[in-house]
Amino acid sequence: MAKKSVATFRGGSKAGRSFSKVKKMVRSEKTGAYYFEEKMLPNELVEEFFKK
């Protein structure tokens, strides 16, 4: 039953596939500790996110 409901939520739309969830480890300037920066971005902007 779960497979059917998940398949119907998708609805044939490919709009959700044009985004990616990206995570990057960043070092804090104040404490020196690391934290993760996490965003949902269009696939075209993923490379720019990691170049910063």
PDB file of N, CA and C in Angstrom:
ATOM      1  N   MET A   1       0.824  -1.192   0.000  1.00  0.00           N
ATOM      2  CA  MET A   1       0.000   0.000   0.000  1.00  0.00           C
ATOM      3  C   MET A   1       0.869   1.257   0.000  1.00  0.00           C
ATOM      4  N   ALA A   2       1.957   1.244   0.709  1.00  0.00           N
ATOM      5  CA  ALA A   2       2.800   2.435   0.798  1.00  0.00           C
ATOM      6  C   ALA A   2       3.393   2.802  -0.549  1.00  0.00           C
ATOM      7  N   LYS A   3       3.750   1.811  -1.346  1.00  0.00           N
ATOM      8  CA  LYS A   3       4.329   2.096  -2.646  1.00  0.00           C
ATOM      9  C   LYS A   3       3.357   2.854  -3.537  1.00  0.00           C
ATOM     10  N   LYS A   4       2.088   2.491  -3.477  1.00  0.00           N
ATOM     11  CA  LYS A   4       1.088   3.184  -4.288  1.00  0.00           C
ATOM     12  C   LYS A   4       0.941   4.637  -3.854  1.00  0.00           C
ATOM     13  N   SER A   5       0.888   4.886  -2.554  1.00  0.00           N
ATOM     14  CA  SER A   5       0.681   6.253  -2.093  1.00  0.00           C
ATOM     15  C   SER A   5       1.888   7.129  -2.424  1.00  0.00           C
ATOM     16  N   VAL A   6       3.092   6.596  -2.325  1.00  0.00           N
ATOM     17  CA  VAL A   6       4.285   7.368  -2.662  1.00  0.00           C
ATOM     18  C   VAL A   6       4.292   7.678  -4.150  1.00  0.00           C
ATOM     19  N   ALA A   7       3.905   6.708  -4.959  1.00  0.00           N
ATOM     20  CA  ALA A   7       3.883   6.913  -6.400  1.00  0.00           C
ATOM     21  C   ALA A   7       2.847   7.963  -6.786  1.00  0.00           C
ATOM     22  N   THR A   8       1.733   8.030  -6.079  1.00  0.00           N
ATOM     23  CA  THR A   8       0.707   9.014  -6.428  1.00  0.00           C
ATOM     24  C   THR A   8       1.104  10.412  -5.972  1.00  0.00           C
ATOM     25  N   PHE A   9       1.900  10.539  -4.928  1.00  0.00           N
ATOM     26  CA  PHE A   9       2.343  11.868  -4.500  1.00  0.00           C
ATOM     27  C   PHE A   9       3.223  12.520  -5.557  1.00  0.00           C
ATOM     28  N   ARG A  10       3.977  11.711  -6.242  1.00  0.00           N
ATOM     29  CA  ARG A  10       4.875  12.236  -7.268  1.00  0.00           C
ATOM     30  C   ARG A  10       4.065  12.867  -8.403  1.00  0.00           C
ATOM     31  N   GLY A  11       2.996  12.239  -8.800  1.00  0.00           N
ATOM     32  CA  GLY A  11       2.088  12.811  -9.766  1.00  0.00           C
ATOM     33  C   GLY A  11       2.645  12.988 -11.159  1.00  0.00           C
ATOM     34  N   GLY A  12       3.749  12.380 -11.497  1.00  0.00           N
ATOM     35  CA  GLY A  12       4.315  12.507 -12.827  1.00  0.00           C
ATOM     36  C   GLY A  12       5.048  13.811 -13.057  1.00  0.00           C
ATOM     37  N   SER A  13       5.056  14.691 -12.100  1.00  0.00           N
ATOM     38  CA  SER A  13       5.731  15.979 -12.243  1.00  0.00           C
ATOM     39  C   SER A  13       7.233  15.813 -12.042  1.00  0.00           C
ATOM     40  N   LYS A  14       8.008  16.407 -12.903  1.00  0.00           N
ATOM     41  CA  LYS A  14       9.465  16.328 -12.779  1.00  0.00           C
ATOM     42  C   LYS A  14      10.049  17.598 -12.173  1.00  0.00           C
ATOM     43  N   ALA A  15       9.202  18.473 -11.659  1.00  0.00           N
ATOM     44  CA  ALA A  15       9.665  19.738 -11.092  1.00  0.00           C
ATOM     45  C   ALA A  15      10.519  19.514  -9.843  1.00  0.00           C
ATOM     46  N   GLY A  16      10.205  18.504  -9.046  1.00  0.00           N
ATOM     47  CA  GLY A  16      10.956  18.237  -7.828  1.00  0.00           C
ATOM     48  C   GLY A  16      12.350  17.698  -8.096  1.00  0.00           C
ATOM     49  N   ARG A  17      12.560  17.163  -9.267  1.00  0.00           N
ATOM     50  CA  ARG A  17      13.856  16.583  -9.592  1.00  0.00           C
ATOM     51  C   ARG A  17      14.856  17.626 -10.049  1.00  0.00           C
ATOM     52  N   SER A  18      14.428  18.856 -10.225  1.00  0.00           N
ATOM     53  CA  SER A  18      15.342  19.890 -10.681  1.00  0.00           C
ATOM     54  C   SER A  18      16.067  20.564  -9.516  1.00  0.00           C
ATOM     55  N   PHE A  19      15.825  20.087  -8.284  1.00  0.00           N
ATOM     56  CA  PHE A  19      16.472  20.625  -7.098  1.00  0.00           C
ATOM     57  C   PHE A  19      17.308  19.545  -6.430  1.00  0.00           C
ATOM     58  N   SER A  20      18.372  19.981  -5.758  1.00  0.00           N
ATOM     59  CA  SER A  20      19.214  19.057  -5.015  1.00  0.00           C
ATOM     60  C   SER A  20      19.451  19.617  -3.619  1.00  0.00           C
ATOM     61  N   LYS A  21      19.549  18.713  -2.649  1.00  0.00           N
ATOM     62  CA  LYS A  21      19.888  19.114  -1.287  1.00  0.00           C
ATOM     63  C   LYS A  21      21.402  19.007  -1.156  1.00  0.00           C
ATOM     64  N   VAL A  22      22.053  20.108  -0.817  1.00  0.00           N
ATOM     65  CA  VAL A  22      23.511  20.129  -0.726  1.00  0.00           C
ATOM     66  C   VAL A  22      23.932  20.442   0.704  1.00  0.00           C
ATOM     67  N   LYS A  23      25.034  19.835   1.112  1.00  0.00           N
ATOM     68  CA  LYS A  23      25.603  20.061   2.447  1.00  0.00           C
ATOM     69  C   LYS A  23      27.075  20.360   2.279  1.00  0.00           C
ATOM     70  N   LYS A  24      27.550  21.353   3.035  1.00  0.00           N
ATOM     71  CA  LYS A  24      28.959  21.724   2.976  1.00  0.00           C
ATOM     72  C   LYS A  24      29.458  21.965   4.391  1.00  0.00           C
ATOM     73  N   MET A  25      30.643  21.438   4.702  1.00  0.00           N
ATOM     74  CA  MET A  25      31.233  21.646   6.021  1.00  0.00           C
ATOM     75  C   MET A  25      31.984  22.969   6.004  1.00  0.00           C
ATOM     76  N   VAL A  26      31.671  23.848   6.956  1.00  0.00           N
ATOM     77  CA  VAL A  26      32.239  25.189   7.028  1.00  0.00           C
ATOM     78  C   VAL A  26      32.859  25.385   8.405  1.00  0.00           C
ATOM     79  N   ARG A  27      33.969  26.082   8.445  1.00  0.00           N
ATOM     80  CA  ARG A  27      34.620  26.358   9.725  1.00  0.00           C
ATOM     81  C   ARG A  27      34.204  27.736  10.230  1.00  0.00           C
ATOM     82  N   SER A  28      33.784  27.820  11.478  1.00  0.00           N
ATOM     83  CA  SER A  28      33.372  29.066  12.097  1.00  0.00           C
ATOM     84  C   SER A  28      34.591  29.931  12.368  1.00  0.00           C
ATOM     85  N   GLU A  29      34.506  31.206  12.034  1.00  0.00           N
ATOM     86  CA  GLU A  29      35.620  32.125  12.274  1.00  0.00           C
ATOM     87  C   GLU A  29      35.759  32.470  13.759  1.00  0.00           C
ATOM     88  N   LYS A  30      34.650  32.482  14.489  1.00  0.00           N
ATOM     89  CA  LYS A  30      34.677  32.844  15.910  1.00  0.00           C
ATOM     90  C   LYS A  30      35.270  31.740  16.781  1.00  0.00           C
ATOM     91  N   THR A  31      34.742  30.516  16.633  1.00  0.00           N
ATOM     92  CA  THR A  31      35.147  29.442  17.543  1.00  0.00           C
ATOM     93  C   THR A  31      36.117  28.452  16.933  1.00  0.00           C
ATOM     94  N   GLY A  32      36.181  28.412  15.616  1.00  0.00           N
ATOM     95  CA  GLY A  32      37.045  27.449  14.951  1.00  0.00           C
ATOM     96  C   GLY A  32      36.412  26.073  14.795  1.00  0.00           C
ATOM     97  N   ALA A  33      35.194  25.926  15.291  1.00  0.00           N
ATOM     98  CA  ALA A  33      34.481  24.654  15.176  1.00  0.00           C
ATOM     99  C   ALA A  33      33.867  24.527  13.785  1.00  0.00           C
ATOM    100  N   TYR A  34      33.634  23.309  13.369  1.00  0.00           N
ATOM    101  CA  TYR A  34      33.012  23.058  12.077  1.00  0.00           C
ATOM    102  C   TYR A  34      31.507  22.902  12.237  1.00  0.00           C
ATOM    103  N   TYR A  35      30.759  23.346  11.225  1.00  0.00           N
ATOM    104  CA  TYR A  35      29.321  23.128  11.167  1.00  0.00           C
ATOM    105  C   TYR A  35      28.939  22.862   9.723  1.00  0.00           C
ATOM    106  N   PHE A  36      27.747  22.356   9.528  1.00  0.00           N
ATOM    107  CA  PHE A  36      27.286  22.026   8.188  1.00  0.00           C
ATOM    108  C   PHE A  36      26.300  23.072   7.697  1.00  0.00           C
ATOM    109  N   GLU A  37      26.553  23.580   6.510  1.00  0.00           N
ATOM    110  CA  GLU A  37      25.634  24.483   5.841  1.00  0.00           C
ATOM    111  C   GLU A  37      24.818  23.631   4.870  1.00  0.00           C
ATOM    112  N   GLU A  38      23.499  23.724   4.969  1.00  0.00           N
ATOM    113  CA  GLU A  38      22.616  22.835   4.226  1.00  0.00           C
ATOM    114  C   GLU A  38      21.566  23.663   3.496  1.00  0.00           C
ATOM    115  N   LYS A  39      21.390  23.415   2.188  1.00  0.00           N
ATOM    116  CA  LYS A  39      20.427  24.179   1.383  1.00  0.00           C
ATOM    117  C   LYS A  39      19.791  23.292   0.325  1.00  0.00           C
ATOM    118  N   MET A  40      18.635  23.738  -0.163  1.00  0.00           N
ATOM    119  CA  MET A  40      17.998  23.155  -1.336  1.00  0.00           C
ATOM    120  C   MET A  40      18.223  24.135  -2.486  1.00  0.00           C
ATOM    121  N   LEU A  41      18.898  23.675  -3.539  1.00  0.00           N
ATOM    122  CA  LEU A  41      19.245  24.555  -4.655  1.00  0.00           C
ATOM    123  C   LEU A  41      18.836  23.937  -5.985  1.00  0.00           C
ATOM    124  N   PRO A  42      18.575  24.787  -6.991  1.00  0.00           N
ATOM    125  CA  PRO A  42      18.387  24.248  -8.345  1.00  0.00           C
ATOM    126  C   PRO A  42      19.680  23.580  -8.803  1.00  0.00           C
ATOM    127  N   ASN A  43      19.560  22.577  -9.631  1.00  0.00           N
ATOM    128  CA  ASN A  43      20.736  21.814 -10.072  1.00  0.00           C
ATOM    129  C   ASN A  43      21.785  22.696 -10.741  1.00  0.00           C
ATOM    130  N   GLU A  44      21.390  23.794 -11.355  1.00  0.00           N
ATOM    131  CA  GLU A  44      22.334  24.669 -12.040  1.00  0.00           C
ATOM    132  C   GLU A  44      23.261  25.399 -11.068  1.00  0.00           C
ATOM    133  N   LEU A  45      22.833  25.601  -9.822  1.00  0.00           N
ATOM    134  CA  LEU A  45      23.607  26.387  -8.858  1.00  0.00           C
ATOM    135  C   LEU A  45      24.432  25.544  -7.889  1.00  0.00           C
ATOM    136  N   VAL A  46      24.419  24.242  -8.044  1.00  0.00           N
ATOM    137  CA  VAL A  46      25.113  23.350  -7.098  1.00  0.00           C
ATOM    138  C   VAL A  46      26.619  23.583  -7.148  1.00  0.00           C
ATOM    139  N   GLU A  47      27.198  23.680  -8.329  1.00  0.00           N
ATOM    140  CA  GLU A  47      28.658  23.875  -8.445  1.00  0.00           C
ATOM    141  C   GLU A  47      29.078  25.218  -7.861  1.00  0.00           C
ATOM    142  N   GLU A  48      28.290  26.253  -8.058  1.00  0.00           N
ATOM    143  CA  GLU A  48      28.616  27.573  -7.502  1.00  0.00           C
ATOM    144  C   GLU A  48      28.598  27.552  -5.984  1.00  0.00           C
ATOM    145  N   PHE A  49      27.686  26.777  -5.404  1.00  0.00           N
ATOM    146  CA  PHE A  49      27.587  26.670  -3.950  1.00  0.00           C
ATOM    147  C   PHE A  49      28.875  26.101  -3.350  1.00  0.00           C
ATOM    148  N   PHE A  50      29.457  25.105  -4.006  1.00  0.00           N
ATOM    149  CA  PHE A  50      30.666  24.487  -3.469  1.00  0.00           C
ATOM    150  C   PHE A  50      31.927  25.295  -3.781  1.00  0.00           C
ATOM    151  N   LYS A  51      31.882  26.190  -4.749  1.00  0.00           N
ATOM    152  CA  LYS A  51      33.062  27.008  -5.068  1.00  0.00           C
ATOM    153  C   LYS A  51      33.263  28.135  -4.060  1.00  0.00           C
ATOM    154  N   LYS A  52      32.201  28.544  -3.373  1.00  0.00           N
ATOM    155  CA  LYS A  52      32.306  29.648  -2.405  1.00  0.00           C
ATOM    156  C   LYS A  52      33.177  29.247  -1.242  1.00  0.00           C
TER     157      LYS A  52
END
